[in-house]
Full PDB file with SEQRES, HELIX, SHEET, SSBOND, CRYST1, ORIGX, SCALE, CONECT and MASTER records, all heavy atoms in Angstrom:
SEQRES   1 A   39  PRO GLY ALA ALA ASP GLU ALA LEU VAL ALA LEU ILE GLY          
SEQRES   2 A   39  GLU VAL PRO TRP ASP ARG ARG GLY TRP THR VAL LEU VAL          
SEQRES   3 A   39  THR ASP ASP ARG ALA LEU THR GLU ARG ALA ARG SER ALA          
HELIX    1 AA1 ALA A    3  GLU A   14  1                                  12    
HELIX    2 AA2 TRP A   17  TRP A   22  5                                   6    
HELIX    3 AA3 ARG A   30  SER A   38  1                                   9    
CRYST1    1.000    1.000    1.000  90.00  90.00  90.00 P 1           1          
ORIGX1      1.000000  0.000000  0.000000        0.00000                         
ORIGX2      0.000000  1.000000  0.000000        0.00000                         
ORIGX3      0.000000  0.000000  1.000000        0.00000                         
SCALE1      1.000000  0.000000  0.000000        0.00000                         
SCALE2      0.000000  1.000000  0.000000        0.00000                         
SCALE3      0.000000  0.000000  1.000000        0.00000                         
ATOM      1  N   PRO A   1      93.625  97.189 102.088  1.00  0.00           N  
ATOM      2  CA  PRO A   1      92.160  97.246 102.004  1.00  0.00           C  
ATOM      3  C   PRO A   1      91.722  98.385 101.015  1.00  0.00           C  
ATOM      4  O   PRO A   1      92.305  99.462 100.965  1.00  0.00           O  
ATOM      5  CB  PRO A   1      91.759  97.685 103.439  1.00  0.00           C  
ATOM      6  CG  PRO A   1      92.898  97.238 104.319  1.00  0.00           C  
ATOM      7  CD  PRO A   1      94.137  97.382 103.424  1.00  0.00           C  
ATOM      8  N   GLY A   2      90.727  98.018 100.268  1.00  0.00           N  
ATOM      9  CA  GLY A   2      90.225  98.988  99.305  1.00  0.00           C  
ATOM     10  C   GLY A   2      90.904  98.982  97.953  1.00  0.00           C  
ATOM     11  O   GLY A   2      90.516  99.729  97.069  1.00  0.00           O  
ATOM     12  N   ALA A   3      91.933  98.190  97.796  1.00  0.00           N  
ATOM     13  CA  ALA A   3      92.705  98.170  96.572  1.00  0.00           C  
ATOM     14  C   ALA A   3      91.805  97.774  95.389  1.00  0.00           C  
ATOM     15  O   ALA A   3      91.989  98.270  94.281  1.00  0.00           O  
ATOM     16  CB  ALA A   3      93.915  97.234  96.688  1.00  0.00           C  
ATOM     17  N   ALA A   4      90.878  96.795  95.625  1.00  0.00           N  
ATOM     18  CA  ALA A   4      90.006  96.380  94.522  1.00  0.00           C  
ATOM     19  C   ALA A   4      89.095  97.533  94.112  1.00  0.00           C  
ATOM     20  O   ALA A   4      88.782  97.710  92.934  1.00  0.00           O  
ATOM     21  CB  ALA A   4      89.197  95.138  94.936  1.00  0.00           C  
ATOM     22  N   ASP A   5      88.641  98.290  95.082  1.00  0.00           N  
ATOM     23  CA  ASP A   5      87.797  99.492  94.747  1.00  0.00           C  
ATOM     24  C   ASP A   5      88.563 100.398  93.812  1.00  0.00           C  
ATOM     25  O   ASP A   5      88.018 100.922  92.826  1.00  0.00           O  
ATOM     26  CB  ASP A   5      87.386 100.231  96.002  1.00  0.00           C  
ATOM     27  CG  ASP A   5      86.429  99.448  96.916  1.00  0.00           C  
ATOM     28  OD1 ASP A   5      86.169  98.299  96.595  1.00  0.00           O  
ATOM     29  OD2 ASP A   5      86.022 100.020  97.921  1.00  0.00           O  
ATOM     30  N   GLU A   6      89.791 100.676  94.164  1.00  0.00           N  
ATOM     31  CA  GLU A   6      90.648 101.564  93.309  1.00  0.00           C  
ATOM     32  C   GLU A   6      90.777 100.972  91.902  1.00  0.00           C  
ATOM     33  O   GLU A   6      90.712 101.673  90.894  1.00  0.00           O  
ATOM     34  CB  GLU A   6      92.028 101.784  93.936  1.00  0.00           C  
ATOM     35  CG  GLU A   6      91.972 102.518  95.242  1.00  0.00           C  
ATOM     36  CD  GLU A   6      91.276 103.878  95.147  1.00  0.00           C  
ATOM     37  OE1 GLU A   6      91.535 104.618  94.159  1.00  0.00           O  
ATOM     38  OE2 GLU A   6      90.531 104.250  96.076  1.00  0.00           O  
ATOM     39  N   ALA A   7      91.043  99.650  91.840  1.00  0.00           N  
ATOM     40  CA  ALA A   7      91.208  98.976  90.595  1.00  0.00           C  
ATOM     41  C   ALA A   7      89.913  99.030  89.732  1.00  0.00           C  
ATOM     42  O   ALA A   7      90.003  99.254  88.498  1.00  0.00           O  
ATOM     43  CB  ALA A   7      91.646  97.548  90.799  1.00  0.00           C  
ATOM     44  N   LEU A   8      88.779  98.867  90.355  1.00  0.00           N  
ATOM     45  CA  LEU A   8      87.515  98.929  89.660  1.00  0.00           C  
ATOM     46  C   LEU A   8      87.241 100.310  89.071  1.00  0.00           C  
ATOM     47  O   LEU A   8      86.848 100.474  87.930  1.00  0.00           O  
ATOM     48  CB  LEU A   8      86.356  98.456  90.572  1.00  0.00           C  
ATOM     49  CG  LEU A   8      86.343  96.956  90.863  1.00  0.00           C  
ATOM     50  CD1 LEU A   8      85.511  96.706  92.130  1.00  0.00           C  
ATOM     51  CD2 LEU A   8      85.813  96.202  89.667  1.00  0.00           C  
ATOM     52  N   VAL A   9      87.506 101.330  89.880  1.00  0.00           N  
ATOM     53  CA  VAL A   9      87.346 102.717  89.355  1.00  0.00           C  
ATOM     54  C   VAL A   9      88.287 103.004  88.220  1.00  0.00           C  
ATOM     55  O   VAL A   9      87.954 103.660  87.235  1.00  0.00           O  
ATOM     56  CB  VAL A   9      87.469 103.733  90.527  1.00  0.00           C  
ATOM     57  CG1 VAL A   9      87.443 105.148  89.983  1.00  0.00           C  
ATOM     58  CG2 VAL A   9      86.342 103.554  91.539  1.00  0.00           C  
ATOM     59  N   ALA A  10      89.535 102.472  88.355  1.00  0.00           N  
ATOM     60  CA  ALA A  10      90.524 102.661  87.286  1.00  0.00           C  
ATOM     61  C   ALA A  10      90.081 101.973  86.006  1.00  0.00           C  
ATOM     62  O   ALA A  10      90.236 102.457  84.855  1.00  0.00           O  
ATOM     63  CB  ALA A  10      91.856 102.116  87.706  1.00  0.00           C  
ATOM     64  N   LEU A  11      89.436 100.790  86.091  1.00  0.00           N  
ATOM     65  CA  LEU A  11      88.951 100.061  84.941  1.00  0.00           C  
ATOM     66  C   LEU A  11      87.847 100.866  84.277  1.00  0.00           C  
ATOM     67  O   LEU A  11      87.789 100.975  83.048  1.00  0.00           O  
ATOM     68  CB  LEU A  11      88.387  98.688  85.307  1.00  0.00           C  
ATOM     69  CG  LEU A  11      89.452  97.659  85.588  1.00  0.00           C  
ATOM     70  CD1 LEU A  11      88.828  96.396  86.257  1.00  0.00           C  
ATOM     71  CD2 LEU A  11      90.163  97.261  84.323  1.00  0.00           C  
ATOM     72  N   ILE A  12      86.973 101.478  85.022  1.00  0.00           N  
ATOM     73  CA  ILE A  12      85.975 102.382  84.443  1.00  0.00           C  
ATOM     74  C   ILE A  12      86.620 103.521  83.671  1.00  0.00           C  
ATOM     75  O   ILE A  12      86.238 103.888  82.598  1.00  0.00           O  
ATOM     76  CB  ILE A  12      84.997 102.911  85.562  1.00  0.00           C  
ATOM     77  CG1 ILE A  12      84.212 101.772  86.154  1.00  0.00           C  
ATOM     78  CG2 ILE A  12      84.088 104.005  84.984  1.00  0.00           C  
ATOM     79  CD1 ILE A  12      83.459 102.153  87.445  1.00  0.00           C  
ATOM     80  N   GLY A  13      87.659 104.096  84.290  1.00  0.00           N  
ATOM     81  CA  GLY A  13      88.384 105.173  83.638  1.00  0.00           C  
ATOM     82  C   GLY A  13      89.078 104.828  82.387  1.00  0.00           C  
ATOM     83  O   GLY A  13      89.308 105.677  81.521  1.00  0.00           O  
ATOM     84  N   GLU A  14      89.288 103.541  82.153  1.00  0.00           N  
ATOM     85  CA  GLU A  14      89.918 103.078  80.870  1.00  0.00           C  
ATOM     86  C   GLU A  14      88.910 102.996  79.782  1.00  0.00           C  
ATOM     87  O   GLU A  14      89.306 102.920  78.561  1.00  0.00           O  
ATOM     88  CB  GLU A  14      90.570 101.731  81.070  1.00  0.00           C  
ATOM     89  CG  GLU A  14      91.773 101.703  81.966  1.00  0.00           C  
ATOM     90  CD  GLU A  14      92.305 100.319  82.288  1.00  0.00           C  
ATOM     91  OE1 GLU A  14      91.861  99.341  81.651  1.00  0.00           O  
ATOM     92  OE2 GLU A  14      93.158 100.210  83.176  1.00  0.00           O  
ATOM     93  N   VAL A  15      87.646 102.996  80.065  1.00  0.00           N  
ATOM     94  CA  VAL A  15      86.581 102.923  79.096  1.00  0.00           C  
ATOM     95  C   VAL A  15      86.369 104.298  78.496  1.00  0.00           C  
ATOM     96  O   VAL A  15      86.224 105.260  79.291  1.00  0.00           O  
ATOM     97  CB  VAL A  15      85.278 102.376  79.708  1.00  0.00           C  
ATOM     98  CG1 VAL A  15      84.112 102.391  78.697  1.00  0.00           C  
ATOM     99  CG2 VAL A  15      85.486 100.986  80.284  1.00  0.00           C  
ATOM    100  N   PRO A  16      86.271 104.481  77.182  1.00  0.00           N  
ATOM    101  CA  PRO A  16      85.973 105.794  76.607  1.00  0.00           C  
ATOM    102  C   PRO A  16      84.681 106.303  77.186  1.00  0.00           C  
ATOM    103  O   PRO A  16      83.736 105.600  77.428  1.00  0.00           O  
ATOM    104  CB  PRO A  16      85.869 105.535  75.121  1.00  0.00           C  
ATOM    105  CG  PRO A  16      86.616 104.275  74.867  1.00  0.00           C  
ATOM    106  CD  PRO A  16      86.462 103.476  76.144  1.00  0.00           C  
ATOM    107  N   TRP A  17      84.667 107.657  77.440  1.00  0.00           N  
ATOM    108  CA  TRP A  17      83.512 108.273  78.095  1.00  0.00           C  
ATOM    109  C   TRP A  17      82.205 107.911  77.479  1.00  0.00           C  
ATOM    110  O   TRP A  17      81.226 107.554  78.156  1.00  0.00           O  
ATOM    111  CB  TRP A  17      83.673 109.760  78.150  1.00  0.00           C  
ATOM    112  CG  TRP A  17      82.561 110.436  78.869  1.00  0.00           C  
ATOM    113  CD1 TRP A  17      81.488 111.072  78.378  1.00  0.00           C  
ATOM    114  CD2 TRP A  17      82.381 110.454  80.274  1.00  0.00           C  
ATOM    115  NE1 TRP A  17      80.661 111.540  79.367  1.00  0.00           N  
ATOM    116  CE2 TRP A  17      81.185 111.160  80.562  1.00  0.00           C  
ATOM    117  CE3 TRP A  17      83.082 109.991  81.398  1.00  0.00           C  
ATOM    118  CZ2 TRP A  17      80.661 111.374  81.835  1.00  0.00           C  
ATOM    119  CZ3 TRP A  17      82.630 110.231  82.676  1.00  0.00           C  
ATOM    120  CH2 TRP A  17      81.420 110.924  82.882  1.00  0.00           C  
ATOM    121  N   ASP A  18      82.119 107.909  76.109  1.00  0.00           N  
ATOM    122  CA  ASP A  18      80.886 107.615  75.475  1.00  0.00           C  
ATOM    123  C   ASP A  18      80.466 106.147  75.563  1.00  0.00           C  
ATOM    124  O   ASP A  18      79.331 105.770  75.184  1.00  0.00           O  
ATOM    125  CB  ASP A  18      80.910 108.050  74.027  1.00  0.00           C  
ATOM    126  CG  ASP A  18      81.906 107.308  73.177  1.00  0.00           C  
ATOM    127  OD1 ASP A  18      82.902 106.773  73.733  1.00  0.00           O  
ATOM    128  OD2 ASP A  18      81.712 107.274  71.918  1.00  0.00           O  
ATOM    129  N   ARG A  19      81.306 105.265  76.061  1.00  0.00           N  
ATOM    130  CA  ARG A  19      80.967 103.846  76.253  1.00  0.00           C  
ATOM    131  C   ARG A  19      80.690 103.513  77.704  1.00  0.00           C  
ATOM    132  O   ARG A  19      80.347 102.371  78.022  1.00  0.00           O  
ATOM    133  CB  ARG A  19      82.107 102.949  75.708  1.00  0.00           C  
ATOM    134  CG  ARG A  19      82.327 103.077  74.242  1.00  0.00           C  
ATOM    135  CD  ARG A  19      81.182 102.641  73.354  1.00  0.00           C  
ATOM    136  NE  ARG A  19      80.667 101.314  73.706  1.00  0.00           N  
ATOM    137  CZ  ARG A  19      79.421 100.913  73.395  1.00  0.00           C  
ATOM    138  NH1 ARG A  19      78.601 101.686  72.757  1.00  0.00           N  
ATOM    139  NH2 ARG A  19      79.007  99.726  73.743  1.00  0.00           N  
ATOM    140  N   ARG A  20      80.913 104.415  78.624  1.00  0.00           N  
ATOM    141  CA  ARG A  20      80.771 104.122  80.066  1.00  0.00           C  
ATOM    142  C   ARG A  20      79.294 103.776  80.409  1.00  0.00           C  
ATOM    143  O   ARG A  20      79.053 103.076  81.389  1.00  0.00           O  
ATOM    144  CB  ARG A  20      81.314 105.231  80.927  1.00  0.00           C  
ATOM    145  CG  ARG A  20      82.807 105.275  80.814  1.00  0.00           C  
ATOM    146  CD  ARG A  20      83.422 106.324  81.733  1.00  0.00           C  
ATOM    147  NE  ARG A  20      84.808 106.508  81.351  1.00  0.00           N  
ATOM    148  CZ  ARG A  20      85.632 107.375  82.000  1.00  0.00           C  
ATOM    149  NH1 ARG A  20      85.136 108.118  82.980  1.00  0.00           N  
ATOM    150  NH2 ARG A  20      86.846 107.507  81.565  1.00  0.00           N  
ATOM    151  N   GLY A  21      78.341 104.269  79.670  1.00  0.00           N  
ATOM    152  CA  GLY A  21      76.939 103.943  79.876  1.00  0.00           C  
ATOM    153  C   GLY A  21      76.627 102.487  79.551  1.00  0.00           C  
ATOM    154  O   GLY A  21      75.550 101.994  79.834  1.00  0.00           O  
ATOM    155  N   TRP A  22      77.589 101.805  78.952  1.00  0.00           N  
ATOM    156  CA  TRP A  22      77.436 100.383  78.584  1.00  0.00           C  
ATOM    157  C   TRP A  22      78.297  99.527  79.566  1.00  0.00           C  
ATOM    158  O   TRP A  22      78.513  98.336  79.379  1.00  0.00           O  
ATOM    159  CB  TRP A  22      77.894 100.122  77.170  1.00  0.00           C  
ATOM    160  CG  TRP A  22      77.009 100.716  76.166  1.00  0.00           C  
ATOM    161  CD1 TRP A  22      77.025 102.032  75.714  1.00  0.00           C  
ATOM    162  CD2 TRP A  22      75.925 100.106  75.499  1.00  0.00           C  
ATOM    163  NE1 TRP A  22      76.024 102.203  74.779  1.00  0.00           N  
ATOM    164  CE2 TRP A  22      75.315 101.032  74.659  1.00  0.00           C  
ATOM    165  CE3 TRP A  22      75.421  98.794  75.537  1.00  0.00           C  
ATOM    166  CZ2 TRP A  22      74.219 100.724  73.879  1.00  0.00           C  
ATOM    167  CZ3 TRP A  22      74.305  98.490  74.746  1.00  0.00           C  
ATOM    168  CH2 TRP A  22      73.757  99.451  73.928  1.00  0.00           C  
ATOM    169  N   THR A  23      78.752 100.184  80.627  1.00  0.00           N  
ATOM    170  CA  THR A  23      79.575  99.516  81.658  1.00  0.00           C  
ATOM    171  C   THR A  23      78.759  99.476  82.947  1.00  0.00           C  
ATOM    172  O   THR A  23      78.228 100.479  83.400  1.00  0.00           O  
ATOM    173  CB  THR A  23      80.867 100.295  81.877  1.00  0.00           C  
ATOM    174  OG1 THR A  23      81.594 100.386  80.681  1.00  0.00           O  
ATOM    175  CG2 THR A  23      81.720  99.671  82.990  1.00  0.00           C  
ATOM    176  N   VAL A  24      78.716  98.271  83.555  1.00  0.00           N  
ATOM    177  CA  VAL A  24      78.000  98.088  84.822  1.00  0.00           C  
ATOM    178  C   VAL A  24      78.927  97.563  85.870  1.00  0.00           C  
ATOM    179  O   VAL A  24      79.646  96.591  85.626  1.00  0.00           O  
ATOM    180  CB  VAL A  24      76.819  97.123  84.640  1.00  0.00           C  
ATOM    181  CG1 VAL A  24      76.170  96.736  85.992  1.00  0.00           C  
ATOM    182  CG2 VAL A  24      75.743  97.649  83.664  1.00  0.00           C  
ATOM    183  N   LEU A  25      78.912  98.183  87.032  1.00  0.00           N  
ATOM    184  CA  LEU A  25      79.656  97.704  88.207  1.00  0.00           C  
ATOM    185  C   LEU A  25      78.659  97.106  89.163  1.00  0.00           C  
ATOM    186  O   LEU A  25      77.664  97.774  89.506  1.00  0.00           O  
ATOM    187  CB  LEU A  25      80.391  98.863  88.883  1.00  0.00           C  
ATOM    188  CG  LEU A  25      81.040  98.550  90.224  1.00  0.00           C  
ATOM    189  CD1 LEU A  25      82.176  97.551  90.088  1.00  0.00           C  
ATOM    190  CD2 LEU A  25      81.477  99.790  90.961  1.00  0.00           C  
ATOM    191  N   VAL A  26      78.960  95.909  89.618  1.00  0.00           N  
ATOM    192  CA  VAL A  26      78.125  95.200  90.618  1.00  0.00           C  
ATOM    193  C   VAL A  26      78.764  95.223  91.965  1.00  0.00           C  
ATOM    194  O   VAL A  26      79.877  94.671  92.158  1.00  0.00           O  
ATOM    195  CB  VAL A  26      77.832  93.778  90.145  1.00  0.00           C  
ATOM    196  CG1 VAL A  26      76.983  93.051  91.199  1.00  0.00           C  
ATOM    197  CG2 VAL A  26      77.170  93.722  88.833  1.00  0.00           C  
ATOM    198  N   THR A  27      78.091  95.899  92.947  1.00  0.00           N  
ATOM    199  CA  THR A  27      78.584  95.969  94.328  1.00  0.00           C  
ATOM    200  C   THR A  27      77.490  96.435  95.244  1.00  0.00           C  
ATOM    201  O   THR A  27      76.503  97.082  94.726  1.00  0.00           O  
ATOM    202  CB  THR A  27      79.774  96.952  94.418  1.00  0.00           C  
ATOM    203  OG1 THR A  27      80.343  96.874  95.698  1.00  0.00           O  
ATOM    204  CG2 THR A  27      79.388  98.382  94.090  1.00  0.00           C  
ATOM    205  N   ASP A  28      77.596  96.139  96.460  1.00  0.00           N  
ATOM    206  CA  ASP A  28      76.711  96.750  97.484  1.00  0.00           C  
ATOM    207  C   ASP A  28      77.471  97.813  98.300  1.00  0.00           C  
ATOM    208  O   ASP A  28      76.884  98.326  99.280  1.00  0.00           O  
ATOM    209  CB  ASP A  28      76.163  95.675  98.392  1.00  0.00           C  
ATOM    210  CG  ASP A  28      74.965  94.901  97.782  1.00  0.00           C  
ATOM    211  OD1 ASP A  28      74.467  95.311  96.759  1.00  0.00           O  
ATOM    212  OD2 ASP A  28      74.544  93.901  98.370  1.00  0.00           O  
ATOM    213  N   ASP A  29      78.696  98.077  97.962  1.00  0.00           N  
ATOM    214  CA  ASP A  29      79.515  99.056  98.654  1.00  0.00           C  
ATOM    215  C   ASP A  29      79.000 100.480  98.209  1.00  0.00           C  
ATOM    216  O   ASP A  29      79.180 100.848  97.031  1.00  0.00           O  
ATOM    217  CB  ASP A  29      80.948  98.866  98.250  1.00  0.00           C  
ATOM    218  CG  ASP A  29      81.953  99.824  98.909  1.00  0.00           C  
ATOM    219  OD1 ASP A  29      81.618 101.056  98.948  1.00  0.00           O  
ATOM    220  OD2 ASP A  29      82.957  99.383  99.380  1.00  0.00           O  
ATOM    221  N   ARG A  30      78.443 101.234  99.129  1.00  0.00           N  
ATOM    222  CA  ARG A  30      77.874 102.531  98.779  1.00  0.00           C  
ATOM    223  C   ARG A  30      78.869 103.539  98.296  1.00  0.00           C  
ATOM    224  O   ARG A  30      78.622 104.261  97.346  1.00  0.00           O  
ATOM    225  CB  ARG A  30      77.110 103.120 100.003  1.00  0.00           C  
ATOM    226  CG  ARG A  30      75.848 102.354 100.316  1.00  0.00           C  
ATOM    227  CD  ARG A  30      75.140 102.986 101.485  1.00  0.00           C  
ATOM    228  NE  ARG A  30      74.001 102.214 101.838  1.00  0.00           N  
ATOM    229  CZ  ARG A  30      73.360 102.301 102.954  1.00  0.00           C  
ATOM    230  NH1 ARG A  30      73.747 103.154 103.856  1.00  0.00           N  
ATOM    231  NH2 ARG A  30      72.289 101.568 103.168  1.00  0.00           N  
ATOM    232  N   ALA A  31      80.043 103.603  98.937  1.00  0.00           N  
ATOM    233  CA  ALA A  31      81.074 104.552  98.484  1.00  0.00           C  
ATOM    234  C   ALA A  31      81.545 104.233  97.085  1.00  0.00           C  
ATOM    235  O   ALA A  31      81.735 105.094  96.255  1.00  0.00           O  
ATOM    236  CB  ALA A  31      82.220 104.570  99.484  1.00  0.00           C  
ATOM    237  N   LEU A  32      81.760 102.942  96.848  1.00  0.00           N  
ATOM    238  CA  LEU A  32      82.233 102.521  95.474  1.00  0.00           C  
ATOM    239  C   LEU A  32      81.163 102.776  94.473  1.00  0.00           C  
ATOM    240  O   LEU A  32      81.435 103.252  93.342  1.00  0.00           O  
ATOM    241  CB  LEU A  32      82.635 101.041  95.512  1.00  0.00           C  
ATOM    242  CG  LEU A  32      83.045 100.452  94.194  1.00  0.00           C  
ATOM    243  CD1 LEU A  32      84.256 101.231  93.615  1.00  0.00           C  
ATOM    244  CD2 LEU A  32      83.400  98.967  94.386  1.00  0.00           C  
ATOM    245  N   THR A  33      79.890 102.574  94.847  1.00  0.00           N  
ATOM    246  CA  THR A  33      78.773 102.845  93.924  1.00  0.00           C  
ATOM    247  C   THR A  33      78.791 104.305  93.494  1.00  0.00           C  
ATOM    248  O   THR A  33      78.678 104.666  92.315  1.00  0.00           O  
ATOM    249  CB  THR A  33      77.452 102.484  94.606  1.00  0.00           C  
ATOM    250  OG1 THR A  33      77.403 101.119  94.828  1.00  0.00           O  
ATOM    251  CG2 THR A  33      76.234 102.942  93.763  1.00  0.00           C  
ATOM    252  N   GLU A  34      78.963 105.195  94.493  1.00  0.00           N  
ATOM    253  CA  GLU A  34      78.983 106.625  94.154  1.00  0.00           C  
ATOM    254  C   GLU A  34      80.188 107.012  93.246  1.00  0.00           C  
ATOM    255  O   GLU A  34      80.024 107.801  92.345  1.00  0.00           O  
ATOM    256  CB  GLU A  34      78.976 107.482  95.448  1.00  0.00           C  
ATOM    257  CG  GLU A  34      77.641 107.445  96.160  1.00  0.00           C  
ATOM    258  CD  GLU A  34      76.471 107.805  95.311  1.00  0.00           C  
ATOM    259  OE1 GLU A  34      76.529 108.844  94.567  1.00  0.00           O  
ATOM    260  OE2 GLU A  34      75.438 107.082  95.302  1.00  0.00           O  
ATOM    261  N   ARG A  35      81.337 106.440  93.557  1.00  0.00           N  
ATOM    262  CA  ARG A  35      82.501 106.724  92.756  1.00  0.00           C  
ATOM    263  C   ARG A  35      82.277 106.254  91.298  1.00  0.00           C  
ATOM    264  O   ARG A  35      82.701 106.926  90.346  1.00  0.00           O  
ATOM    265  CB  ARG A  35      83.767 106.059  93.345  1.00  0.00           C  
ATOM    266  CG  ARG A  35      84.154 106.753  94.647  1.00  0.00           C  
ATOM    267  CD  ARG A  35      85.359 106.064  95.252  1.00  0.00           C  
ATOM    268  NE  ARG A  35      86.524 106.263  94.413  1.00  0.00           N  
ATOM    269  CZ  ARG A  35      87.640 105.532  94.492  1.00  0.00           C  
ATOM    270  NH1 ARG A  35      87.750 104.581  95.382  1.00  0.00           N  
ATOM    271  NH2 ARG A  35      88.615 105.777  93.674  1.00  0.00           N  
ATOM    272  N   ALA A  36      81.727 105.039  91.151  1.00  0.00           N  
ATOM    273  CA  ALA A  36      81.485 104.513  89.811  1.00  0.00           C  
ATOM    274  C   ALA A  36      80.467 105.384  89.004  1.00  0.00           C  
ATOM    275  O   ALA A  36      80.685 105.660  87.852  1.00  0.00           O  
ATOM    276  CB  ALA A  36      80.973 103.069  89.917  1.00  0.00           C  
ATOM    277  N   ARG A  37      79.464 105.758  89.706  1.00  0.00           N  
ATOM    278  CA  ARG A  37      78.435 106.649  89.030  1.00  0.00           C  
ATOM    279  C   ARG A  37      79.092 107.984  88.645  1.00  0.00           C  
ATOM    280  O   ARG A  37      78.804 108.518  87.519  1.00  0.00           O  
ATOM    281  CB  ARG A  37      77.278 106.872  89.955  1.00  0.00           C  
ATOM    282  CG  ARG A  37      76.368 105.670  90.088  1.00  0.00           C  
ATOM    283  CD  ARG A  37      75.235 105.882  91.022  1.00  0.00           C  
ATOM    284  NE  ARG A  37      74.399 104.692  91.171  1.00  0.00           N  
ATOM    285  CZ  ARG A  37      73.530 104.526  92.133  1.00  0.00           C  
ATOM    286  NH1 ARG A  37      73.338 105.453  93.018  1.00  0.00           N  
ATOM    287  NH2 ARG A  37      72.849 103.409  92.174  1.00  0.00           N  
ATOM    288  N   SER A  38      79.904 108.538  89.495  1.00  0.00           N  
ATOM    289  CA  SER A  38      80.578 109.812  89.189  1.00  0.00           C  
ATOM    290  C   SER A  38      81.490 109.666  87.983  1.00  0.00           C  
ATOM    291  O   SER A  38      81.690 110.575  87.256  1.00  0.00           O  
ATOM    292  CB  SER A  38      81.367 110.292  90.362  1.00  0.00           C  
ATOM    293  OG  SER A  38      80.516 110.705  91.413  1.00  0.00           O  
ATOM    294  N   ALA A  39      82.044 108.462  87.815  1.00  0.00           N  
ATOM    295  CA  ALA A  39      82.942 108.178  86.681  1.00  0.00           C  
ATOM    296  C   ALA A  39      82.177 107.834  85.393  1.00  0.00           C  
ATOM    297  O   ALA A  39      82.771 107.661  84.342  1.00  0.00           O  
ATOM    298  CB  ALA A  39      83.873 106.990  87.064  1.00  0.00           C  
TER     299      ALA A  39                                                      
MASTER        0    0    0    3    0    0    0    6  298    1    0    3          
END                                                                             
């Protein structure tokens, strides 16, 4: 459980920092939302 959340956060981490503002994660999972925003 939660493996997809980890994979999604890892995908965000693969994007260069200056391009992350052009990356959108779609979810209603509050914890994942916060992790994605922090990334």
